[in-house]
Amino acid sequence: MPRQLRAGVARADITPPFGIAHAGWGAQTHQRAAGVDLPLWATALALSDGVETLVLVDLDLIYLWDTEAPGVMAAVSAATGLPASHIRLAYTHTHSGPINGATWSSWVKEGAEMVPAYDAYLEQQIAGVARQALNQLRPARIAAGFGEAKINVNRRFQRPEDGAVICGRNWGGPVDQQLQLVRIDSADGAPLAAIVNYACHPITVGPDCDLVTPDYPGVMKRVVEQATGATCLFLQGATGDIGPIQGCARGGLGEYRRLGSILGHEASRLWWELEPQRRQAHYAGTLESGSPLALYADEALPDLDATIRVGTRQLDLPLKAFAPAAELAAATATHVARLD
């Protein structure tokens, strides 16, 4: 017998306090966040087919460090009863959010005293929103498709004066501009969730801004939610060599809203084109008018099997050959002095 999909969503505010360490860029001259331009969210989506259950949590953070991530995973597992293999923490990777965690770069001296309390708050907020999403599970239907948005560019720019490769705009370089979207409705047809996948570094807001922002993914979510009524999550793509077409080094505070809006409107268009309820229309008669009008009746088709599968695989990656430890330590000291 086909399994029935169930889904639930929940959201929590994870905006840090004013004054917290704010250090997504080596070129910045400020150390503390002076304010908030747009709040940060933790958004959870729970999915179940009655046998397998999983939860995905989308975080408006650059990432969780190795020291903090296990604690968050353990808290989510304890709150939901799910094993780690069935929990996915996804980071938008905004560079204009707080740099939470114990692994601090040399130039961050002010605001670090506020981080431990924020990290503890994060752990409980993320665990709570995951549990709430599970509590909201209800019958649902799903559909998926893809579109295109040209807000990104290959960022491996070769500087003309010396040939050095820096972060810029390499218009001829490889870039993935596909937007992928999953639409989830409740069984009665109400909008429930939208999952958007796109590849672009959220570095639109650059080192000259001392405000907390979720960068373009935060704007994209708000545009989609206003247009569709569904709660929107963002999954970052393979964005290592891909950056935004504007902003970054200077003037990105306004630009991230523009790029996020472009992406959000494309996602919204795609969302409205998808139909989770499968239907088949057939001719049902004629309505006499100045020009006779054909009448059609929609027949709902049975839902497809919604079996959920969860898999894990360990990857062994090759390491580069490193210089001796003493040589690396000396180089680090030189860079730290330069940054200071």
C-alpha atoms as a PDB file:
ATOM      1  CA  MET A   1       0.000   0.000   0.000  1.00  0.00           C
ATOM      2  CA  PRO A   2       1.423   3.449  -0.912  1.00  0.00           C
ATOM      3  CA  ARG A   3       2.623   5.463   2.035  1.00  0.00           C
ATOM      4  CA  GLN A   4       1.068   8.828   2.865  1.00  0.00           C
ATOM      5  CA  LEU A   5       3.374  11.823   3.187  1.00  0.00           C
ATOM      6  CA  ARG A   6       3.029  14.010   6.273  1.00  0.00           C
ATOM      7  CA  ALA A   7       4.767  17.336   6.754  1.00  0.00           C
ATOM      8  CA  GLY A   8       5.055  20.038   9.395  1.00  0.00           C
ATOM      9  CA  VAL A   9       6.838  23.400   9.577  1.00  0.00           C
ATOM     10  CA  ALA A  10       7.905  25.737  12.355  1.00  0.00           C
ATOM     11  CA  ARG A  11      10.077  28.823  12.764  1.00  0.00           C
ATOM     12  CA  ALA A  12      12.052  30.564  15.508  1.00  0.00           C
ATOM     13  CA  ASP A  13      13.873  33.896  15.623  1.00  0.00           C
ATOM     14  CA  ILE A  14      17.642  33.466  16.137  1.00  0.00           C
ATOM     15  CA  THR A  15      18.671  37.109  15.735  1.00  0.00           C
ATOM     16  CA  PRO A  16      21.700  37.846  17.959  1.00  0.00           C
ATOM     17  CA  PRO A  17      21.828  40.814  20.362  1.00  0.00           C
ATOM     18  CA  PHE A  18      23.339  44.147  19.362  1.00  0.00           C
ATOM     19  CA  GLY A  19      27.048  44.321  20.104  1.00  0.00           C
ATOM     20  CA  ILE A  20      27.876  40.683  19.419  1.00  0.00           C
ATOM     21  CA  ALA A  21      31.053  39.898  17.490  1.00  0.00           C
ATOM     22  CA  HIS A  22      30.386  40.483  13.792  1.00  0.00           C
ATOM     23  CA  ALA A  23      33.325  39.322  11.724  1.00  0.00           C
ATOM     24  CA  GLY A  24      32.547  37.749   8.380  1.00  0.00           C
ATOM     25  CA  TRP A  25      35.291  39.660   6.579  1.00  0.00           C
ATOM     26  CA  GLY A  26      39.001  40.181   7.116  1.00  0.00           C
ATOM     27  CA  ALA A  27      38.743  43.627   5.482  1.00  0.00           C
ATOM     28  CA  GLN A  28      36.192  45.055   7.905  1.00  0.00           C
ATOM     29  CA  THR A  29      37.184  47.771  10.382  1.00  0.00           C
ATOM     30  CA  HIS A  30      34.331  47.239  12.882  1.00  0.00           C
ATOM     31  CA  GLN A  31      34.163  44.375  15.365  1.00  0.00           C
ATOM     32  CA  ARG A  32      30.673  44.502  16.895  1.00  0.00           C
ATOM     33  CA  ALA A  33      27.259  44.371  15.215  1.00  0.00           C
ATOM     34  CA  ALA A  34      25.763  47.852  15.473  1.00  0.00           C
ATOM     35  CA  GLY A  35      22.219  46.675  14.756  1.00  0.00           C
ATOM     36  CA  VAL A  36      19.966  44.409  12.708  1.00  0.00           C
ATOM     37  CA  ASP A  37      18.887  45.154   9.145  1.00  0.00           C
ATOM     38  CA  LEU A  38      16.753  41.995   8.852  1.00  0.00           C
ATOM     39  CA  PRO A  39      16.122  39.306  11.501  1.00  0.00           C
ATOM     40  CA  LEU A  40      17.660  35.831  11.289  1.00  0.00           C
ATOM     41  CA  TRP A  41      15.503  32.699  11.318  1.00  0.00           C
ATOM     42  CA  ALA A  42      15.693  29.011  12.130  1.00  0.00           C
ATOM     43  CA  THR A  43      13.082  27.213  10.014  1.00  0.00           C
ATOM     44  CA  ALA A  44      12.312  23.523  10.456  1.00  0.00           C
ATOM     45  CA  LEU A  45      10.554  21.112   8.107  1.00  0.00           C
ATOM     46  CA  ALA A  46       9.561  17.676   9.396  1.00  0.00           C
ATOM     47  CA  LEU A  47       8.667  14.897   6.952  1.00  0.00           C
ATOM     48  CA  SER A  48       7.299  11.423   7.665  1.00  0.00           C
ATOM     49  CA  ASP A  49       5.769   8.531   5.758  1.00  0.00           C
ATOM     50  CA  GLY A  50       4.671   6.707   8.903  1.00  0.00           C
ATOM     51  CA  VAL A  51       7.825   4.588   8.937  1.00  0.00           C
ATOM     52  CA  GLU A  52      10.706   7.005   8.384  1.00  0.00           C
ATOM     53  CA  THR A  53      10.731  10.485   9.910  1.00  0.00           C
ATOM     54  CA  LEU A  54      13.285  13.237   9.393  1.00  0.00           C
ATOM     55  CA  VAL A  55      13.713  16.907  10.163  1.00  0.00           C
ATOM     56  CA  LEU A  56      15.510  19.587   8.150  1.00  0.00           C
ATOM     57  CA  VAL A  57      16.493  22.848   9.874  1.00  0.00           C
ATOM     58  CA  ASP A  58      17.416  25.854   7.722  1.00  0.00           C
ATOM     59  CA  LEU A  59      19.621  28.320   9.647  1.00  0.00           C
ATOM     60  CA  ASP A  60      20.419  31.936   8.767  1.00  0.00           C
ATOM     61  CA  LEU A  61      24.018  31.463   9.932  1.00  0.00           C
ATOM     62  CA  ILE A  62      27.412  31.216   8.250  1.00  0.00           C
ATOM     63  CA  TYR A  63      27.746  27.766   9.873  1.00  0.00           C
ATOM     64  CA  LEU A  64      28.153  26.018  13.217  1.00  0.00           C
ATOM     65  CA  TRP A  65      31.751  25.215  14.090  1.00  0.00           C
ATOM     66  CA  ASP A  66      32.952  21.708  14.914  1.00  0.00           C
ATOM     67  CA  THR A  67      32.899  22.562  18.623  1.00  0.00           C
ATOM     68  CA  GLU A  68      29.239  23.636  18.680  1.00  0.00           C
ATOM     69  CA  ALA A  69      27.547  21.499  16.013  1.00  0.00           C
ATOM     70  CA  PRO A  70      27.580  18.216  18.007  1.00  0.00           C
ATOM     71  CA  GLY A  71      25.821  19.916  20.921  1.00  0.00           C
ATOM     72  CA  VAL A  72      23.112  21.265  18.636  1.00  0.00           C
ATOM     73  CA  MET A  73      22.648  17.872  16.989  1.00  0.00           C
ATOM     74  CA  ALA A  74      22.409  16.199  20.397  1.00  0.00           C
ATOM     75  CA  ALA A  75      19.829  18.743  21.562  1.00  0.00           C
ATOM     76  CA  VAL A  76      17.719  18.245  18.422  1.00  0.00           C
ATOM     77  CA  SER A  77      17.962  14.472  18.787  1.00  0.00           C
ATOM     78  CA  ALA A  78      16.884  14.644  22.427  1.00  0.00           C
ATOM     79  CA  ALA A  79      13.973  16.961  21.604  1.00  0.00           C
ATOM     80  CA  THR A  80      12.708  14.921  18.642  1.00  0.00           C
ATOM     81  CA  GLY A  81      13.749  11.359  19.426  1.00  0.00           C
ATOM     82  CA  LEU A  82      15.403  11.129  15.996  1.00  0.00           C
ATOM     83  CA  PRO A  83      18.904   9.785  15.367  1.00  0.00           C
ATOM     84  CA  ALA A  84      21.547  12.109  13.941  1.00  0.00           C
ATOM     85  CA  SER A  85      21.223  10.420  10.534  1.00  0.00           C
ATOM     86  CA  HIS A  86      17.650  11.763  10.298  1.00  0.00           C
ATOM     87  CA  ILE A  87      18.529  15.373  11.207  1.00  0.00           C
ATOM     88  CA  ARG A  88      19.891  17.850   8.661  1.00  0.00           C
ATOM     89  CA  LEU A  89      21.265  21.240   9.716  1.00  0.00           C
ATOM     90  CA  ALA A  90      21.511  23.485   6.652  1.00  0.00           C
ATOM     91  CA  TYR A  91      23.306  26.841   6.769  1.00  0.00           C
ATOM     92  CA  THR A  92      22.539  29.654   4.358  1.00  0.00           C
ATOM     93  CA  HIS A  93      26.170  30.806   4.924  1.00  0.00           C
ATOM     94  CA  THR A  94      25.467  34.523   5.323  1.00  0.00           C
ATOM     95  CA  HIS A  95      28.686  36.450   5.940  1.00  0.00           C
ATOM     96  CA  SER A  96      26.817  39.349   7.547  1.00  0.00           C
ATOM     97  CA  GLY A  97      25.482  37.350  10.476  1.00  0.00           C
ATOM     98  CA  PRO A  98      27.273  36.685  13.766  1.00  0.00           C
ATOM     99  CA  ILE A  99      30.385  34.518  13.770  1.00  0.00           C
ATOM    100  CA  ASN A 100      29.167  32.267  16.553  1.00  0.00           C
ATOM    101  CA  GLY A 101      31.281  29.572  18.168  1.00  0.00           C
ATOM    102  CA  ALA A 102      34.545  29.183  20.037  1.00  0.00           C
ATOM    103  CA  THR A 103      36.842  29.190  16.988  1.00  0.00           C
ATOM    104  CA  TRP A 104      37.673  32.873  16.680  1.00  0.00           C
ATOM    105  CA  SER A 105      39.863  34.627  14.197  1.00  0.00           C
ATOM    106  CA  SER A 106      42.605  36.883  15.472  1.00  0.00           C
ATOM    107  CA  TRP A 107      40.943  40.174  14.625  1.00  0.00           C
ATOM    108  CA  VAL A 108      37.800  39.489  16.700  1.00  0.00           C
ATOM    109  CA  LYS A 109      38.364  40.874  20.181  1.00  0.00           C
ATOM    110  CA  GLU A 110      35.212  42.848  20.937  1.00  0.00           C
ATOM    111  CA  GLY A 111      31.813  41.203  21.311  1.00  0.00           C
ATOM    112  CA  ALA A 112      33.236  37.709  21.832  1.00  0.00           C
ATOM    113  CA  GLU A 113      32.102  37.809  25.474  1.00  0.00           C
ATOM    114  CA  MET A 114      28.478  37.679  24.240  1.00  0.00           C
ATOM    115  CA  VAL A 115      28.957  34.546  22.141  1.00  0.00           C
ATOM    116  CA  PRO A 116      28.722  31.720  24.749  1.00  0.00           C
ATOM    117  CA  ALA A 117      25.262  32.847  25.852  1.00  0.00           C
ATOM    118  CA  TYR A 118      24.150  33.183  22.237  1.00  0.00           C
ATOM    119  CA  ASP A 119      25.430  29.705  21.411  1.00  0.00           C
ATOM    120  CA  ALA A 120      23.480  28.238  24.335  1.00  0.00           C
ATOM    121  CA  TYR A 121      20.382  30.127  23.170  1.00  0.00           C
ATOM    122  CA  LEU A 122      20.894  28.820  19.624  1.00  0.00           C
ATOM    123  CA  GLU A 123      21.075  25.223  20.812  1.00  0.00           C
ATOM    124  CA  GLN A 124      17.709  25.433  22.554  1.00  0.00           C
ATOM    125  CA  GLN A 125      16.016  27.449  19.811  1.00  0.00           C
ATOM    126  CA  ILE A 126      17.058  24.978  17.120  1.00  0.00           C
ATOM    127  CA  ALA A 127      16.004  21.976  19.208  1.00  0.00           C
ATOM    128  CA  GLY A 128      12.680  23.624  20.008  1.00  0.00           C
ATOM    129  CA  VAL A 129      11.811  24.546  16.435  1.00  0.00           C
ATOM    130  CA  ALA A 130      12.606  20.994  15.277  1.00  0.00           C
ATOM    131  CA  ARG A 131      10.300  19.540  17.910  1.00  0.00           C
ATOM    132  CA  GLN A 132       7.553  22.013  17.016  1.00  0.00           C
ATOM    133  CA  ALA A 133       7.745  21.022  13.335  1.00  0.00           C
ATOM    134  CA  LEU A 134       7.270  17.368  14.309  1.00  0.00           C
ATOM    135  CA  ASN A 135       4.252  18.315  16.392  1.00  0.00           C
ATOM    136  CA  GLN A 136       2.743  20.002  13.323  1.00  0.00           C
ATOM    137  CA  LEU A 137       2.850  16.895  11.073  1.00  0.00           C
ATOM    138  CA  ARG A 138      -0.233  16.515   8.863  1.00  0.00           C
ATOM    139  CA  PRO A 139      -1.104  14.778   5.580  1.00  0.00           C
ATOM    140  CA  ALA A 140       0.568  16.485   2.637  1.00  0.00           C
ATOM    141  CA  ARG A 141       1.332  16.311  -1.082  1.00  0.00           C
ATOM    142  CA  ILE A 142       4.540  17.217  -2.880  1.00  0.00           C
ATOM    143  CA  ALA A 143       5.744  18.422  -6.292  1.00  0.00           C
ATOM    144  CA  ALA A 144       9.113  19.587  -7.614  1.00  0.00           C
ATOM    145  CA  GLY A 145      10.536  21.519 -10.538  1.00  0.00           C
ATOM    146  CA  PHE A 146      13.302  23.863 -11.610  1.00  0.00           C
ATOM    147  CA  GLY A 147      13.743  27.358 -13.009  1.00  0.00           C
ATOM    148  CA  GLU A 148      16.599  29.799 -13.604  1.00  0.00           C
ATOM    149  CA  ALA A 149      17.910  32.944 -11.925  1.00  0.00           C
ATOM    150  CA  LYS A 150      20.910  34.967 -13.089  1.00  0.00           C
ATOM    151  CA  ILE A 151      21.949  36.612  -9.829  1.00  0.00           C
ATOM    152  CA  ASN A 152      25.229  34.680  -9.570  1.00  0.00           C
ATOM    153  CA  VAL A 153      28.561  34.584 -11.394  1.00  0.00           C
ATOM    154  CA  ASN A 154      31.785  32.600 -11.235  1.00  0.00           C
ATOM    155  CA  ARG A 155      33.938  34.519  -8.762  1.00  0.00           C
ATOM    156  CA  ARG A 156      37.420  33.269  -9.795  1.00  0.00           C
ATOM    157  CA  PHE A 157      38.517  36.585 -11.326  1.00  0.00           C
ATOM    158  CA  GLN A 158      42.058  36.918 -12.704  1.00  0.00           C
ATOM    159  CA  ARG A 159      43.444  40.316 -11.806  1.00  0.00           C
ATOM    160  CA  PRO A 160      44.818  41.985 -14.960  1.00  0.00           C
ATOM    161  CA  GLU A 161      47.861  43.656 -13.384  1.00  0.00           C
ATOM    162  CA  ASP A 162      49.511  40.474 -12.129  1.00  0.00           C
ATOM    163  CA  GLY A 163      47.289  37.517 -13.021  1.00  0.00           C
ATOM    164  CA  ALA A 164      46.442  36.735  -9.391  1.00  0.00           C
ATOM    165  CA  VAL A 165      43.088  34.981  -8.897  1.00  0.00           C
ATOM    166  CA  ILE A 166      40.835  36.911  -6.496  1.00  0.00           C
ATOM    167  CA  CYS A 167      37.127  37.000  -5.612  1.00  0.00           C
ATOM    168  CA  GLY A 168      35.443  39.013  -8.346  1.00  0.00           C
ATOM    169  CA  ARG A 169      33.340  38.482 -11.463  1.00  0.00           C
ATOM    170  CA  ASN A 170      34.554  35.953 -13.999  1.00  0.00           C
ATOM    171  CA  TRP A 171      31.752  36.251 -16.536  1.00  0.00           C
ATOM    172  CA  GLY A 172      33.118  33.454 -18.696  1.00  0.00           C
ATOM    173  CA  GLY A 173      33.648  30.959 -15.874  1.00  0.00           C
ATOM    174  CA  PRO A 174      31.393  27.986 -15.085  1.00  0.00           C
ATOM    175  CA  VAL A 175      28.297  28.857 -13.054  1.00  0.00           C
ATOM    176  CA  ASP A 176      25.138  26.996 -12.020  1.00  0.00           C
ATOM    177  CA  GLN A 177      22.088  29.258 -12.417  1.00  0.00           C
ATOM    178  CA  GLN A 178      19.441  26.580 -11.943  1.00  0.00           C
ATOM    179  CA  LEU A 179      16.914  27.141  -9.173  1.00  0.00           C
ATOM    180  CA  GLN A 180      15.324  23.985  -7.789  1.00  0.00           C
ATOM    181  CA  LEU A 181      12.091  24.094  -5.821  1.00  0.00           C
ATOM    182  CA  VAL A 182       9.986  21.627  -3.883  1.00  0.00           C
ATOM    183  CA  ARG A 183       6.379  22.579  -3.185  1.00  0.00           C
ATOM    184  CA  ILE A 184       4.529  20.945  -0.289  1.00  0.00           C
ATOM    185  CA  ASP A 185       0.792  21.459   0.306  1.00  0.00           C
ATOM    186  CA  SER A 186      -1.403  20.054   3.028  1.00  0.00           C
ATOM    187  CA  ALA A 187      -3.835  17.356   1.874  1.00  0.00           C
ATOM    188  CA  ASP A 188      -6.650  19.920   1.709  1.00  0.00           C
ATOM    189  CA  GLY A 189      -4.642  22.073  -0.730  1.00  0.00           C
ATOM    190  CA  ALA A 190      -3.381  24.743   1.680  1.00  0.00           C
ATOM    191  CA  PRO A 191       0.205  25.967   1.087  1.00  0.00           C
ATOM    192  CA  LEU A 192       2.592  24.417   3.588  1.00  0.00           C
ATOM    193  CA  ALA A 193       6.262  24.667   2.580  1.00  0.00           C
ATOM    194  CA  ALA A 194       8.623  25.645  -0.223  1.00  0.00           C
ATOM    195  CA  ILE A 195      12.221  24.396  -0.370  1.00  0.00           C
ATOM    196  CA  VAL A 196      14.486  26.474  -2.600  1.00  0.00           C
ATOM    197  CA  ASN A 197      17.949  25.312  -3.698  1.00  0.00           C
ATOM    198  CA  TYR A 198      20.334  27.744  -5.385  1.00  0.00           C
ATOM    199  CA  ALA A 199      24.113  28.194  -5.553  1.00  0.00           C
ATOM    200  CA  CYS A 200      25.519  31.604  -4.646  1.00  0.00           C
ATOM    201  CA  HIS A 201      27.748  32.767  -1.800  1.00  0.00           C
ATOM    202  CA  PRO A 202      25.749  35.108   0.473  1.00  0.00           C
ATOM    203  CA  ILE A 203      28.463  37.763   0.435  1.00  0.00           C
ATOM    204  CA  THR A 204      26.375  40.513  -1.144  1.00  0.00           C
ATOM    205  CA  VAL A 205      26.630  42.513   2.087  1.00  0.00           C
ATOM    206  CA  GLY A 206      30.347  43.206   2.368  1.00  0.00           C
ATOM    207  CA  PRO A 207      32.870  44.382   4.982  1.00  0.00           C
ATOM    208  CA  ASP A 208      31.637  47.979   5.033  1.00  0.00           C
ATOM    209  CA  CYS A 209      28.358  46.990   6.762  1.00  0.00           C
ATOM    210  CA  ASP A 210      28.134  46.564  10.541  1.00  0.00           C
ATOM    211  CA  LEU A 211      24.510  45.345  10.570  1.00  0.00           C
ATOM    212  CA  VAL A 212      23.272  41.780  10.939  1.00  0.00           C
ATOM    213  CA  THR A 213      21.511  40.483   7.803  1.00  0.00           C
ATOM    214  CA  PRO A 214      20.588  37.074   6.356  1.00  0.00           C
ATOM    215  CA  ASP A 215      21.829  38.334   2.963  1.00  0.00           C
ATOM    216  CA  TYR A 216      19.860  37.467  -0.186  1.00  0.00           C
ATOM    217  CA  PRO A 217      18.424  34.105   1.092  1.00  0.00           C
ATOM    218  CA  GLY A 218      16.523  35.967   3.823  1.00  0.00           C
ATOM    219  CA  VAL A 219      14.902  38.320   1.317  1.00  0.00           C
ATOM    220  CA  MET A 220      14.138  35.418  -1.023  1.00  0.00           C
ATOM    221  CA  LYS A 221      12.244  33.592   1.745  1.00  0.00           C
ATOM    222  CA  ARG A 222      10.152  36.654   2.555  1.00  0.00           C
ATOM    223  CA  VAL A 223       9.245  37.227  -1.101  1.00  0.00           C
ATOM    224  CA  VAL A 224       8.203  33.578  -1.564  1.00  0.00           C
ATOM    225  CA  GLU A 225       6.151  33.551   1.618  1.00  0.00           C
ATOM    226  CA  GLN A 226       4.313  36.726   0.715  1.00  0.00           C
ATOM    227  CA  ALA A 227       3.557  35.416  -2.793  1.00  0.00           C
ATOM    228  CA  THR A 228       2.557  31.853  -1.889  1.00  0.00           C
ATOM    229  CA  GLY A 229       1.584  31.636   1.773  1.00  0.00           C
ATOM    230  CA  ALA A 230       4.020  28.721   2.208  1.00  0.00           C
ATOM    231  CA  THR A 231       6.853  28.682   4.751  1.00  0.00           C
ATOM    232  CA  CYS A 232      10.099  28.884   2.774  1.00  0.00           C
ATOM    233  CA  LEU A 233      13.401  27.109   3.454  1.00  0.00           C
ATOM    234  CA  PHE A 234      16.683  27.649   1.621  1.00  0.00           C
ATOM    235  CA  LEU A 235      19.273  24.976   0.793  1.00  0.00           C
ATOM    236  CA  GLN A 236      22.621  26.380  -0.325  1.00  0.00           C
ATOM    237  CA  GLY A 237      24.051  24.838  -3.471  1.00  0.00           C
ATOM    238  CA  ALA A 238      27.628  24.038  -4.538  1.00  0.00           C
ATOM    239  CA  THR A 239      28.716  27.627  -4.186  1.00  0.00           C
ATOM    240  CA  GLY A 240      32.475  27.437  -3.624  1.00  0.00           C
ATOM    241  CA  ASP A 241      33.404  29.370  -6.773  1.00  0.00           C
ATOM    242  CA  ILE A 242      30.089  31.210  -7.232  1.00  0.00           C
ATOM    243  CA  GLY A 243      29.243  34.669  -5.893  1.00  0.00           C
ATOM    244  CA  PRO A 244      26.671  37.438  -6.424  1.00  0.00           C
ATOM    245  CA  ILE A 245      26.674  39.633  -9.510  1.00  0.00           C
ATOM    246  CA  GLN A 246      26.617  42.823  -7.402  1.00  0.00           C
ATOM    247  CA  GLY A 247      27.596  43.960  -3.915  1.00  0.00           C
ATOM    248  CA  CYS A 248      30.344  42.078  -2.055  1.00  0.00           C
ATOM    249  CA  ALA A 249      33.199  44.557  -1.729  1.00  0.00           C
ATOM    250  CA  ARG A 250      31.115  47.734  -1.357  1.00  0.00           C
ATOM    251  CA  GLY A 251      27.474  48.875  -1.211  1.00  0.00           C
ATOM    252  CA  GLY A 252      25.772  45.532  -0.718  1.00  0.00           C
ATOM    253  CA  LEU A 253      23.264  46.570   1.943  1.00  0.00           C
ATOM    254  CA  GLY A 254      20.692  47.585  -0.649  1.00  0.00           C
ATOM    255  CA  GLU A 255      21.855  45.148  -3.300  1.00  0.00           C
ATOM    256  CA  TYR A 256      21.079  42.014  -1.280  1.00  0.00           C
ATOM    257  CA  ARG A 257      17.419  42.963  -1.223  1.00  0.00           C
ATOM    258  CA  ARG A 258      17.380  43.331  -5.012  1.00  0.00           C
ATOM    259  CA  LEU A 259      19.075  39.992  -5.684  1.00  0.00           C
ATOM    260  CA  GLY A 260      16.945  38.208  -3.086  1.00  0.00           C
ATOM    261  CA  SER A 261      13.816  39.645  -4.668  1.00  0.00           C
ATOM    262  CA  ILE A 262      14.831  38.431  -8.142  1.00  0.00           C
ATOM    263  CA  LEU A 263      15.443  34.926  -6.801  1.00  0.00           C
ATOM    264  CA  GLY A 264      12.257  34.994  -4.737  1.00  0.00           C
ATOM    265  CA  HIS A 265      10.042  36.005  -7.633  1.00  0.00           C
ATOM    266  CA  GLU A 266      11.456  33.239  -9.834  1.00  0.00           C
ATOM    267  CA  ALA A 267      10.861  30.720  -7.033  1.00  0.00           C
ATOM    268  CA  SER A 268       7.326  32.036  -6.566  1.00  0.00           C
ATOM    269  CA  ARG A 269       6.587  31.712 -10.283  1.00  0.00           C
ATOM    270  CA  LEU A 270       7.757  28.126 -10.210  1.00  0.00           C
ATOM    271  CA  TRP A 271       5.790  27.379  -7.032  1.00  0.00           C
ATOM    272  CA  TRP A 272       2.543  28.475  -8.682  1.00  0.00           C
ATOM    273  CA  GLU A 273       3.229  26.372 -11.774  1.00  0.00           C
ATOM    274  CA  LEU A 274       3.631  23.170  -9.752  1.00  0.00           C
ATOM    275  CA  GLU A 275       0.538  21.183  -8.737  1.00  0.00           C
ATOM    276  CA  PRO A 276       0.964  18.644  -5.908  1.00  0.00           C
ATOM    277  CA  GLN A 277      -2.579  17.342  -6.468  1.00  0.00           C
ATOM    278  CA  ARG A 278      -2.451  15.250  -9.636  1.00  0.00           C
ATOM    279  CA  ARG A 279      -5.488  15.856 -11.854  1.00  0.00           C
ATOM    280  CA  GLN A 280      -6.835  14.756 -15.211  1.00  0.00           C
ATOM    281  CA  ALA A 281      -9.241  17.011 -17.067  1.00  0.00           C
ATOM    282  CA  HIS A 282     -11.890  15.711 -19.466  1.00  0.00           C
ATOM    283  CA  TYR A 283     -14.530  17.394 -21.612  1.00  0.00           C
ATOM    284  CA  ALA A 284     -17.865  17.584 -19.785  1.00  0.00           C
ATOM    285  CA  GLY A 285     -20.141  19.532 -22.109  1.00  0.00           C
ATOM    286  CA  THR A 286     -20.771  22.888 -23.733  1.00  0.00           C
ATOM    287  CA  LEU A 287     -21.855  26.217 -22.283  1.00  0.00           C
ATOM    288  CA  GLU A 288     -23.826  28.175 -24.909  1.00  0.00           C
ATOM    289  CA  SER A 289     -22.535  31.714 -25.284  1.00  0.00           C
ATOM    290  CA  GLY A 290     -21.809  34.151 -28.121  1.00  0.00           C
ATOM    291  CA  SER A 291     -19.160  31.591 -28.910  1.00  0.00           C
ATOM    292  CA  PRO A 292     -19.901  28.158 -27.372  1.00  0.00           C
ATOM    293  CA  LEU A 293     -17.541  27.389 -24.484  1.00  0.00           C
ATOM    294  CA  ALA A 294     -16.217  23.925 -23.714  1.00  0.00           C
ATOM    295  CA  LEU A 295     -16.677  22.789 -20.120  1.00  0.00           C
ATOM    296  CA  TYR A 296     -14.088  20.582 -18.429  1.00  0.00           C
ATOM    297  CA  ALA A 297     -14.219  18.538 -15.249  1.00  0.00           C
ATOM    298  CA  ASP A 298     -11.125  17.763 -13.171  1.00  0.00           C
ATOM    299  CA  GLU A 299     -10.701  14.238 -11.908  1.00  0.00           C
ATOM    300  CA  ALA A 300      -8.320  13.858  -8.950  1.00  0.00           C
ATOM    301  CA  LEU A 301      -5.788  11.085  -9.526  1.00  0.00           C
ATOM    302  CA  PRO A 302      -4.508   8.827  -6.725  1.00  0.00           C
ATOM    303  CA  ASP A 303      -1.474  10.101  -4.841  1.00  0.00           C
ATOM    304  CA  LEU A 304       1.854   8.571  -5.753  1.00  0.00           C
ATOM    305  CA  ASP A 305       3.789   6.527  -3.219  1.00  0.00           C
ATOM    306  CA  ALA A 306       5.460   8.867  -0.718  1.00  0.00           C
ATOM    307  CA  THR A 307       8.062   6.514   0.735  1.00  0.00           C
ATOM    308  CA  ILE A 308      10.883   8.407   2.464  1.00  0.00           C
ATOM    309  CA  ARG A 309      14.401   7.025   2.492  1.00  0.00           C
ATOM    310  CA  VAL A 310      17.325   8.304   4.529  1.00  0.00           C
ATOM    311  CA  GLY A 311      20.907   7.332   3.732  1.00  0.00           C
ATOM    312  CA  THR A 312      24.371   8.231   4.960  1.00  0.00           C
ATOM    313  CA  ARG A 313      27.750   7.704   3.345  1.00  0.00           C
ATOM    314  CA  GLN A 314      31.227   8.475   4.649  1.00  0.00           C
ATOM    315  CA  LEU A 315      33.595  10.157   2.216  1.00  0.00           C
ATOM    316  CA  ASP A 316      37.351   9.859   2.564  1.00  0.00           C
ATOM    317  CA  LEU A 317      38.853  12.951   0.954  1.00  0.00           C
ATOM    318  CA  PRO A 318      42.507  13.334  -0.055  1.00  0.00           C
ATOM    319  CA  LEU A 319      44.559  15.846   1.923  1.00  0.00           C
ATOM    320  CA  LYS A 320      47.128  18.228   0.540  1.00  0.00           C
ATOM    321  CA  ALA A 321      50.754  17.820   1.546  1.00  0.00           C
ATOM    322  CA  PHE A 322      51.338  20.371   4.304  1.00  0.00           C
ATOM    323  CA  ALA A 323      54.553  22.119   5.265  1.00  0.00           C
ATOM    324  CA  PRO A 324      56.166  21.295   8.640  1.00  0.00           C
ATOM    325  CA  ALA A 325      54.203  22.492  11.674  1.00  0.00           C
ATOM    326  CA  ALA A 326      56.837  25.024  12.743  1.00  0.00           C
ATOM    327  CA  GLU A 327      56.800  26.637   9.302  1.00  0.00           C
ATOM    328  CA  LEU A 328      53.012  26.860   9.327  1.00  0.00           C
ATOM    329  CA  ALA A 329      53.010  28.354  12.836  1.00  0.00           C
ATOM    330  CA  ALA A 330      55.459  31.060  11.757  1.00  0.00           C
ATOM    331  CA  ALA A 331      53.348  31.890   8.701  1.00  0.00           C
ATOM    332  CA  THR A 332      50.242  32.079  10.873  1.00  0.00           C
ATOM    333  CA  ALA A 333      51.936  34.495  13.270  1.00  0.00           C
ATOM    334  CA  THR A 334      52.872  36.739  10.341  1.00  0.00           C
ATOM    335  CA  HIS A 335      49.287  36.784   9.030  1.00  0.00           C
ATOM    336  CA  VAL A 336      47.856  37.411  12.499  1.00  0.00           C
ATOM    337  CA  ALA A 337      50.162  40.399  12.976  1.00  0.00           C
ATOM    338  CA  ARG A 338      49.083  41.777   9.596  1.00  0.00           C
ATOM    339  CA  LEU A 339      45.398  41.373  10.409  1.00  0.00           C
ATOM    340  CA  ASP A 340      45.841  43.006  13.826  1.00  0.00           C
END
